[in-house]
Structures are given as C-alpha cells and as structure tokens.
Amino acid sequence: MNFERGEPRMYPEIDTPALVIDLDVVRGNVTEMAKTAARHGVRLRPHIKTHKMPELALAQLEAGATGITCAKLGEAEIMADAGIDDILLAFPVWGEAKLRRLAALRERARVRVSLDSPEVAAGLARRPGPPIELLVEVDTGQHRLGRPPGRPTADLVAEIAAIPGVDVIGLLTLAGHAYHSRTPEELAETSRREGEDLVATAELCAADGIELREISVGSTPTARHVAGVAGVTEIRPGTYIFNDASMMRLGVATEQTVAARVLATVIARPTPERVVFDAGTKCLTSDGSGMPDWIRVAGRPYVHMVFLNEEHAVARLDPEHTGELPVGTRVQLIPSHACSVVNLFDVAHGVENGRVTTGLRVAARGAVR
C-alpha cells in the first residue's frame, strides 16, 4: 500500500466500508511468484478463487502462468467468457446439470478436473466428447478430500484409469494443514512432504503400469518450498496475489505485500480502550476469529481485534495508545482470509501510486455452483 508520512493512505473519496486493492502491490506479488515457478522449472497455475476477477487472471497469465485453477464451474465459465482457455477445475463435478455445463465449457476451453472417487469419474466418462483429463486428489494431511498417499491412492488411480472415457494424467493435493504451521521449519517440512508424497505415489502408479505426467501441488504458504521438490510439475497458489493476515502470521508475506484491505471508519469509542469500526463479518468474514491479531490494522500494531458482529468490528487499544483513533478516523483492516473477503464485495477500488484509478468488478462473486 502507498504510505504517506509512515501512515497508509486513507482515500477520503471512498465511502466505507470498502475493499481497496493496491495494483502496484498486486503486480509485484504476481511477478515474484512467476519468477519462483520459472526458477524451479515448474508451471504456475494460480487459483483465481482469491480474486474472482478476469482482469487479474489475465495479468497472471501475461506474467507467465500457464493456466488457471478454479474451484467451481461458475468461476470457470466466467473466466472462459474472458477468453481464458486452459482451466483446472479443482473440484469434483457431480450431477446432470453440472455435467451439461462442463460439456459446454469444454467446447471453448481445455478443462481438467480433479476428483477422488470412481463414482464422479464414471459420471464424467458418460458425457460425449474426447476423454476428459483427470487429476486424482491425494490427502497429504488436511483430511478433506482424497485417500492417503502411497498404495491407497495408487489403487484408486488404477480403479479410475480403468473407466473408459477418462484420461488420468496426474495427482493433485492441497496441503491445507500447512496453515497451522507454528514455525518456518515446520512449514518447510510440511511443504517438502507434500511434494515428495505425491512423487512417491506416482512412482507406485508407474510400477502398476500407469504413467502420470502431472504432479500438481501448492498453496500460497507451501508454494515456494514445494516448487523445488524434484518431480513436481505444477504449483497452484492463490492467496499470494493479495496476501492477508494469515500469510503474515506464517511469514510468507509482510504488511507491505498485502494488496487487499478493507477501508473502515471508527464509528464509536465507548471506553478509552475500546474502538469500534464500521466493518463486521459482512465485510471481513469470521475466518480465523479468536486467533491473536487474526485481523490487523495496517500501520497500527497497538490495535487488537477482539470480535466481529455483522456490521461492527470491536478492537482493543494498548494502554499507552488510548488517546488515539477518535471517532471518524479511517483505517485499513488487513483481513484474516483474503479469498472469502473478496467474495463479499461487488466492486473493489483499484489504487495505484496512492490514487484511486479504477473500479474492479468481482465478476465471479457468488459463483458457488
């Protein structure tokens, strides 16, 4: 963010609460991750669920990304409308309505799908057209989707590969448990295991006669580490384009590399130590609620978020700062989780060099189907 006299710019022309995105910081973040992928010789396929904006997806592609990742068909359709034609749909597709939409999407884009069951694969195989490219999801520790690495996943790959009409091209994982890392060393180890577990599983598949050409890994916390694991072919970070308080806590971002913030105003000072802002869960979500400094106030480390209601953010001031932040003061709130915050806004205010320069429509907001 642009700083004046050590303080973040507060953009008085914008009514609060509002989502503000520093496009200078975005460009720096996009360039840095593209260079990381290039340095390690892996492809970068960023997850657009963080920003949900075709303009930013196109900027990532222009900087060197080879394709994009989407969570839902609705996101993928909007990105294809913008001319993006290489999409990984990192979510199982189930049901006739979605299968019809997927078939239509495949007529204008190359679409790969990840899954973790023969049932979903069989549904995909029944649709007309050439065999669909599949990546089998592996549970490397988050315990969300997938079987454990090694023989359980190798057996699943064999079962899915035997279904006519599908082409199993690789393995995919998200080491979401890395978000709980307590030290840089723990994060690095989790990242290394994420990649090595998939590579070892692919070797088992090869021994079974199934050659896999894609090893797709990486959240923002793990991407810079796992990109260097031999055998990894693709990383899929998303949050890196904006960063947030969680990335700061994990040591993979700083306040200066956080591009997306919620501009808010102090609307009450009920007691000397209490300050209330005009942005609650409907702007910031409850993700991370209760963790120390899960939401940060840019440039003001003496402000500590206590709780959120729908329209209120209630914070505590350190004792030596109780005379600060009178009613009417503007602040920039750094959210715990940028991805879910962006989905709460119709429009973001793009700023460059300390000036509001554009409005950015969150085109895929609410695209949950």
Protein backbone atom coordinates (compact mmCIF):
# COMPACT_ATOMS: atom_id res chain seq x y z
CA MET A 1 0.00 0.00 0.00
CA ASN A 2 1.09 3.56 -0.60
CA PHE A 3 2.30 5.23 2.58
CA GLU A 4 2.39 8.92 3.38
CA ARG A 5 4.44 10.07 6.40
CA GLY A 6 4.56 6.45 7.57
CA GLU A 7 0.74 6.07 7.51
CA PRO A 8 -1.33 4.14 4.97
CA ARG A 9 -3.26 6.28 2.53
CA MET A 10 -6.94 6.52 3.55
CA TYR A 11 -8.61 7.57 0.27
CA PRO A 12 -11.18 10.06 1.62
CA GLU A 13 -13.07 9.93 -1.68
CA ILE A 14 -14.15 6.32 -0.95
CA ASP A 15 -17.12 5.72 1.33
CA THR A 16 -16.56 3.00 3.94
CA PRO A 17 -16.54 0.10 4.41
CA ALA A 18 -14.89 -0.68 1.09
CA LEU A 19 -12.50 -3.16 -0.47
CA VAL A 20 -9.31 -1.47 -1.68
CA ILE A 21 -6.72 -3.25 -3.83
CA ASP A 22 -3.27 -1.81 -4.42
CA LEU A 23 -2.49 -2.76 -8.01
CA ASP A 24 1.19 -1.85 -7.63
CA VAL A 25 1.48 -4.46 -4.88
CA VAL A 26 -0.51 -6.95 -6.96
CA ARG A 27 1.94 -6.60 -9.84
CA GLY A 28 4.87 -7.18 -7.51
CA ASN A 29 3.28 -10.29 -5.98
CA VAL A 30 2.35 -11.72 -9.39
CA THR A 31 5.86 -11.17 -10.74
CA GLU A 32 7.55 -12.69 -7.69
CA MET A 33 5.56 -15.94 -7.83
CA ALA A 34 6.03 -16.24 -11.59
CA LYS A 35 9.78 -15.93 -11.07
CA THR A 36 9.66 -18.58 -8.32
CA ALA A 37 7.97 -21.05 -10.67
CA ALA A 38 10.36 -20.27 -13.52
CA ARG A 39 13.41 -20.63 -11.28
CA HIS A 40 12.35 -24.14 -10.27
CA GLY A 41 11.17 -25.16 -13.74
CA VAL A 42 7.56 -25.79 -12.73
CA ARG A 43 4.35 -24.46 -14.22
CA LEU A 44 2.29 -21.89 -12.35
CA ARG A 45 -1.48 -22.37 -12.39
CA PRO A 46 -2.82 -19.80 -9.90
CA HIS A 47 -6.14 -20.30 -8.15
CA ILE A 48 -8.50 -17.47 -9.07
CA LYS A 49 -10.87 -18.06 -6.13
CA THR A 50 -8.82 -15.43 -4.31
CA HIS A 51 -9.67 -12.54 -6.62
CA LYS A 52 -12.51 -13.80 -8.87
CA MET A 53 -11.63 -11.10 -11.43
CA PRO A 54 -10.86 -11.89 -15.08
CA GLU A 55 -8.61 -8.83 -15.37
CA LEU A 56 -6.31 -10.18 -12.66
CA ALA A 57 -6.36 -13.72 -14.04
CA LEU A 58 -5.26 -12.35 -17.40
CA ALA A 59 -2.49 -10.38 -15.67
CA GLN A 60 -1.26 -13.60 -14.06
CA LEU A 61 -1.21 -15.33 -17.44
CA GLU A 62 0.64 -12.43 -19.04
CA ALA A 63 3.26 -12.70 -16.29
CA GLY A 64 3.95 -16.36 -17.07
CA ALA A 65 1.18 -18.54 -15.64
CA THR A 66 0.34 -21.42 -17.99
CA GLY A 67 -3.32 -21.68 -16.98
CA ILE A 68 -5.65 -21.06 -14.07
CA THR A 69 -7.33 -23.04 -11.32
CA CYS A 70 -11.00 -22.60 -10.41
CA ALA A 71 -12.99 -24.09 -7.58
CA LYS A 72 -16.40 -24.09 -9.20
CA LEU A 73 -17.89 -24.31 -12.68
CA GLY A 74 -19.39 -20.84 -12.30
CA GLU A 75 -15.93 -19.36 -11.84
CA ALA A 76 -14.59 -21.31 -14.80
CA GLU A 77 -17.43 -20.15 -17.05
CA ILE A 78 -16.78 -16.51 -16.21
CA MET A 79 -13.05 -16.91 -16.86
CA ALA A 80 -13.75 -18.63 -20.18
CA ASP A 81 -16.04 -15.73 -21.11
CA ALA A 82 -12.93 -13.54 -20.73
CA GLY A 83 -11.01 -15.69 -23.20
CA ILE A 84 -9.09 -17.92 -20.79
CA ASP A 85 -8.89 -21.37 -22.36
CA ASP A 86 -6.74 -23.53 -20.03
CA ILE A 87 -8.57 -24.29 -16.80
CA LEU A 88 -8.18 -26.78 -13.98
CA LEU A 89 -11.45 -27.32 -12.16
CA ALA A 90 -10.15 -28.40 -8.78
CA PHE A 91 -13.42 -29.79 -7.51
CA PRO A 92 -15.42 -32.97 -8.16
CA VAL A 93 -18.21 -32.41 -10.70
CA TRP A 94 -21.42 -34.25 -9.83
CA GLY A 95 -24.96 -34.15 -11.19
CA GLU A 96 -26.50 -33.88 -14.65
CA ALA A 97 -26.89 -30.11 -14.57
CA LYS A 98 -23.21 -29.58 -13.87
CA LEU A 99 -22.14 -32.25 -16.36
CA ARG A 100 -24.07 -30.46 -19.11
CA ARG A 101 -22.38 -27.18 -18.20
CA LEU A 102 -18.99 -28.87 -18.16
CA ALA A 103 -19.59 -30.31 -21.62
CA ALA A 104 -20.44 -26.84 -22.92
CA LEU A 105 -17.37 -25.37 -21.24
CA ARG A 106 -15.13 -27.99 -22.85
CA GLU A 107 -16.24 -26.76 -26.27
CA ARG A 108 -14.40 -23.47 -25.70
CA ALA A 109 -11.61 -24.32 -23.25
CA ARG A 110 -9.27 -27.11 -22.26
CA VAL A 111 -10.63 -28.25 -18.91
CA ARG A 112 -9.08 -30.65 -16.46
CA VAL A 113 -10.97 -31.88 -13.39
CA SER A 114 -9.76 -33.19 -10.04
CA LEU A 115 -11.66 -35.80 -8.06
CA ASP A 116 -11.21 -38.60 -5.55
CA SER A 117 -13.82 -41.23 -6.43
CA PRO A 118 -14.72 -43.66 -9.20
CA GLU A 119 -18.35 -42.51 -8.94
CA VAL A 120 -17.50 -38.96 -10.05
CA ALA A 121 -15.16 -40.29 -12.74
CA ALA A 122 -17.88 -42.56 -14.13
CA GLY A 123 -20.26 -39.63 -14.41
CA LEU A 124 -17.68 -37.61 -16.31
CA ALA A 125 -16.96 -40.55 -18.62
CA ARG A 126 -20.60 -40.75 -19.72
CA ARG A 127 -20.56 -37.29 -21.31
CA PRO A 128 -19.91 -37.05 -25.07
CA GLY A 129 -16.61 -35.80 -26.43
CA PRO A 130 -12.98 -36.83 -26.09
CA PRO A 131 -11.78 -38.41 -22.82
CA ILE A 132 -11.59 -35.82 -20.05
CA GLU A 133 -8.27 -35.22 -18.32
CA LEU A 134 -8.41 -36.06 -14.61
CA LEU A 135 -6.16 -35.48 -11.64
CA VAL A 136 -6.73 -37.70 -8.61
CA GLU A 137 -6.66 -35.79 -5.35
CA VAL A 138 -4.44 -37.09 -2.55
CA ASP A 139 -4.83 -36.43 1.17
CA THR A 140 -1.38 -35.27 2.27
CA GLY A 141 -2.57 -34.21 5.71
CA GLN A 142 -5.53 -31.84 5.57
CA HIS A 143 -8.05 -34.71 5.72
CA ARG A 144 -10.53 -33.10 3.35
CA LEU A 145 -10.61 -34.98 0.03
CA GLY A 146 -8.55 -37.91 -1.16
CA ARG A 147 -7.04 -41.09 0.14
CA PRO A 148 -3.64 -41.17 1.84
CA PRO A 149 -0.55 -41.14 -0.39
CA GLY A 150 1.06 -44.42 -1.37
CA ARG A 151 -0.79 -47.64 -2.03
CA PRO A 152 -4.32 -46.37 -1.12
CA THR A 153 -4.11 -43.67 -3.79
CA ALA A 154 -2.30 -45.89 -6.30
CA ASP A 155 -5.15 -48.39 -6.06
CA LEU A 156 -7.67 -45.60 -6.55
CA VAL A 157 -5.80 -44.34 -9.62
CA ALA A 158 -5.88 -47.83 -11.11
CA GLU A 159 -9.62 -48.12 -10.49
CA ILE A 160 -10.35 -44.75 -12.09
CA ALA A 161 -7.97 -45.28 -15.01
CA ALA A 162 -9.88 -48.46 -15.92
CA ILE A 163 -13.04 -46.45 -16.61
CA PRO A 164 -13.48 -45.89 -20.37
CA GLY A 165 -13.75 -42.25 -21.37
CA VAL A 166 -11.33 -40.71 -18.86
CA ASP A 167 -7.63 -39.92 -19.01
CA VAL A 168 -5.89 -39.90 -15.63
CA ILE A 169 -2.97 -37.53 -16.16
CA GLY A 170 -1.72 -36.89 -12.65
CA LEU A 171 -2.06 -36.34 -8.94
CA LEU A 172 -3.16 -33.23 -7.07
CA THR A 173 -3.10 -32.14 -3.46
CA LEU A 174 -3.59 -29.14 -1.23
CA ALA A 175 -1.57 -29.16 1.98
CA GLY A 176 -4.11 -27.05 3.82
CA HIS A 177 -2.75 -28.23 7.15
CA ALA A 178 0.30 -26.08 6.42
CA TYR A 179 -1.77 -23.11 7.58
CA HIS A 180 -1.39 -24.45 11.11
CA SER A 181 2.42 -24.42 11.00
CA ARG A 182 3.95 -22.86 14.10
CA THR A 183 7.46 -22.27 12.81
CA PRO A 184 9.13 -21.65 9.43
CA GLU A 185 10.84 -25.02 9.80
CA GLU A 186 7.51 -26.81 10.28
CA LEU A 187 6.10 -25.06 7.21
CA ALA A 188 9.11 -26.04 5.12
CA GLU A 189 8.87 -29.67 6.24
CA THR A 190 5.13 -29.85 5.51
CA SER A 191 5.78 -28.39 2.07
CA ARG A 192 8.54 -30.87 1.31
CA ARG A 193 6.36 -33.80 2.38
CA GLU A 194 3.51 -32.51 0.21
CA GLY A 195 5.63 -32.84 -2.90
CA GLU A 196 7.57 -35.96 -2.00
CA ASP A 197 4.43 -37.91 -1.03
CA LEU A 198 2.89 -37.24 -4.43
CA VAL A 199 6.07 -38.08 -6.34
CA ALA A 200 6.43 -41.37 -4.45
CA THR A 201 2.78 -42.20 -5.13
CA ALA A 202 3.26 -41.50 -8.84
CA GLU A 203 6.18 -43.92 -8.83
CA LEU A 204 3.91 -46.62 -7.41
CA CYS A 205 1.41 -45.90 -10.17
CA ALA A 206 4.18 -46.22 -12.75
CA ALA A 207 5.10 -49.60 -11.29
CA ASP A 208 1.44 -50.56 -11.81
CA GLY A 209 1.76 -49.56 -15.46
CA ILE A 210 0.09 -46.12 -15.20
CA GLU A 211 2.36 -43.24 -16.14
CA LEU A 212 1.31 -39.89 -14.66
CA ARG A 213 2.68 -36.72 -16.17
CA GLU A 214 1.34 -34.11 -13.75
CA ILE A 215 2.19 -33.57 -10.08
CA SER A 216 0.13 -30.54 -9.06
CA VAL A 217 0.70 -29.08 -5.60
CA GLY A 218 0.93 -25.99 -3.56
CA SER A 219 -0.97 -23.44 -1.55
CA THR A 220 0.50 -19.98 -1.05
CA PRO A 221 2.27 -20.96 2.21
CA THR A 222 3.87 -24.06 0.67
CA ALA A 223 4.39 -22.99 -2.95
CA ARG A 224 7.87 -21.51 -2.65
CA HIS A 225 9.15 -24.62 -0.86
CA VAL A 226 7.37 -27.38 -2.75
CA ALA A 227 8.24 -25.91 -6.14
CA GLY A 228 11.77 -27.13 -5.54
CA VAL A 229 10.85 -30.78 -4.91
CA ALA A 230 12.12 -32.97 -7.75
CA GLY A 231 9.23 -34.40 -9.76
CA VAL A 232 6.73 -31.62 -9.02
CA THR A 233 5.41 -30.16 -12.29
CA GLU A 234 2.88 -27.51 -11.22
CA ILE A 235 2.08 -25.18 -8.32
CA ARG A 236 -1.35 -23.65 -7.66
CA PRO A 237 -1.10 -20.81 -5.12
CA GLY A 238 -3.97 -18.36 -4.92
CA THR A 239 -3.74 -16.03 -1.94
CA TYR A 240 -0.29 -14.74 -2.94
CA ILE A 241 -1.78 -12.19 -5.32
CA PHE A 242 -3.29 -10.26 -2.37
CA ASN A 243 -1.87 -11.90 0.79
CA ASP A 244 -3.56 -11.43 4.16
CA ALA A 245 -3.02 -11.62 7.91
CA SER A 246 -2.73 -15.42 7.79
CA MET A 247 0.12 -15.18 5.29
CA MET A 248 1.79 -12.59 7.53
CA ARG A 249 1.49 -14.92 10.51
CA LEU A 250 3.11 -17.72 8.52
CA GLY A 251 5.98 -15.48 7.46
CA VAL A 252 5.31 -15.62 3.71
CA ALA A 253 4.01 -12.03 3.48
CA THR A 254 4.60 -8.67 5.12
CA GLU A 255 2.32 -5.71 5.64
CA GLN A 256 3.90 -4.15 2.56
CA THR A 257 2.96 -7.13 0.34
CA VAL A 258 -0.70 -7.22 1.41
CA ALA A 259 -2.61 -5.77 -1.54
CA ALA A 260 -6.26 -6.22 -0.46
CA ARG A 261 -7.58 -4.34 2.56
CA VAL A 262 -10.92 -3.24 3.92
CA LEU A 263 -11.08 0.51 4.37
CA ALA A 264 -13.09 1.24 7.52
CA THR A 265 -14.04 4.12 9.82
CA VAL A 266 -14.10 4.43 13.61
CA ILE A 267 -17.78 4.89 14.49
CA ALA A 268 -17.62 4.61 18.29
CA ARG A 269 -15.25 4.90 21.28
CA PRO A 270 -17.42 3.57 24.14
CA THR A 271 -14.46 3.28 26.56
CA PRO A 272 -10.86 4.53 26.47
CA GLU A 273 -9.53 1.13 25.41
CA ARG A 274 -12.35 0.11 23.05
CA VAL A 275 -12.69 1.17 19.41
CA VAL A 276 -15.46 0.14 17.01
CA PHE A 277 -15.16 0.12 13.20
CA ASP A 278 -17.94 0.05 10.60
CA ALA A 279 -16.94 -3.29 9.02
CA GLY A 280 -18.07 -6.58 10.57
CA THR A 281 -18.45 -10.15 9.38
CA LYS A 282 -20.33 -8.99 6.27
CA CYS A 283 -17.07 -7.39 5.13
CA LEU A 284 -14.35 -9.40 6.87
CA THR A 285 -15.93 -12.85 7.45
CA SER A 286 -15.38 -14.80 10.66
CA ASP A 287 -12.46 -16.82 9.27
CA GLY A 288 -9.72 -17.05 11.88
CA SER A 289 -11.91 -15.50 14.54
CA GLY A 290 -10.38 -15.56 18.00
CA MET A 291 -6.78 -16.08 16.96
CA PRO A 292 -4.42 -13.35 18.19
CA ASP A 293 -4.40 -10.48 15.68
CA TRP A 294 -6.33 -12.52 13.12
CA ILE A 295 -7.35 -9.18 11.64
CA ARG A 296 -4.69 -6.48 11.67
CA VAL A 297 -4.89 -2.72 11.43
CA ALA A 298 -2.28 -1.51 8.94
CA GLY A 299 0.32 0.76 10.48
CA ARG A 300 -1.20 0.44 13.95
CA PRO A 301 0.18 -2.61 15.77
CA TYR A 302 -1.27 -1.35 19.04
CA VAL A 303 -4.83 -2.15 17.86
CA HIS A 304 -6.00 -5.71 18.55
CA MET A 305 -9.25 -7.09 17.14
CA VAL A 306 -11.46 -8.63 19.82
CA PHE A 307 -14.59 -9.74 17.95
CA LEU A 308 -16.85 -9.07 14.98
CA ASN A 309 -20.61 -8.73 14.69
CA GLU A 310 -22.34 -8.47 11.34
CA GLU A 311 -21.71 -4.74 10.97
CA HIS A 312 -19.22 -3.99 13.76
CA ALA A 313 -15.55 -4.73 14.38
CA VAL A 314 -14.61 -4.28 18.02
CA ALA A 315 -10.95 -3.81 18.90
CA ARG A 316 -8.82 -3.07 21.95
CA LEU A 317 -6.10 -0.44 22.18
CA ASP A 318 -2.88 -0.93 24.11
CA PRO A 319 -2.98 1.24 27.26
CA GLU A 320 -0.41 3.76 26.04
CA HIS A 321 -2.48 4.45 22.90
CA THR A 322 -5.97 5.02 24.34
CA GLY A 323 -5.89 8.64 23.27
CA GLU A 324 -5.69 7.70 19.60
CA LEU A 325 -8.29 6.77 16.96
CA PRO A 326 -11.11 9.24 17.70
CA VAL A 327 -14.49 8.80 16.02
CA GLY A 328 -14.13 9.46 12.30
CA THR A 329 -10.62 8.04 11.97
CA ARG A 330 -10.11 5.87 8.94
CA VAL A 331 -8.06 2.66 8.98
CA GLN A 332 -7.08 -0.13 6.64
CA LEU A 333 -8.03 -3.55 8.01
CA ILE A 334 -5.94 -6.50 6.85
CA PRO A 335 -8.30 -9.50 6.73
CA SER A 336 -7.50 -12.94 8.03
CA HIS A 337 -8.52 -14.60 4.75
CA ALA A 338 -8.49 -12.51 1.59
CA CYS A 339 -10.30 -15.09 -0.57
CA SER A 340 -13.55 -15.09 1.39
CA VAL A 341 -13.44 -11.32 1.97
CA VAL A 342 -13.28 -10.52 -1.75
CA ASN A 343 -16.36 -12.67 -2.32
CA LEU A 344 -18.35 -10.30 -0.06
CA PHE A 345 -17.89 -7.25 -2.29
CA ASP A 346 -19.41 -6.42 -5.67
CA VAL A 347 -16.66 -3.96 -6.55
CA ALA A 348 -13.11 -3.29 -5.38
CA HIS A 349 -11.37 0.07 -5.67
CA GLY A 350 -8.10 -0.31 -7.55
CA VAL A 351 -5.41 2.12 -6.46
CA GLU A 352 -2.01 2.92 -7.95
CA ASN A 353 0.69 5.18 -6.59
CA GLY A 354 -1.67 6.32 -3.84
CA ARG A 355 -4.53 7.26 -6.18
CA VAL A 356 -7.83 5.56 -6.96
CA THR A 357 -7.57 4.66 -10.63
CA THR A 358 -10.22 2.06 -11.40
CA GLY A 359 -13.17 0.04 -10.21
CA LEU A 360 -12.76 -3.72 -10.35
CA ARG A 361 -15.93 -5.78 -10.57
CA VAL A 362 -15.74 -9.05 -8.63
CA ALA A 363 -17.18 -10.86 -11.62
CA ALA A 364 -17.27 -14.35 -10.11
CA ARG A 365 -18.67 -13.24 -6.76
CA GLY A 366 -21.20 -15.80 -5.56
CA ALA A 367 -20.26 -18.33 -8.26
CA VAL A 368 -20.61 -21.26 -5.87
CA ARG A 369 -22.21 -23.75 -8.30
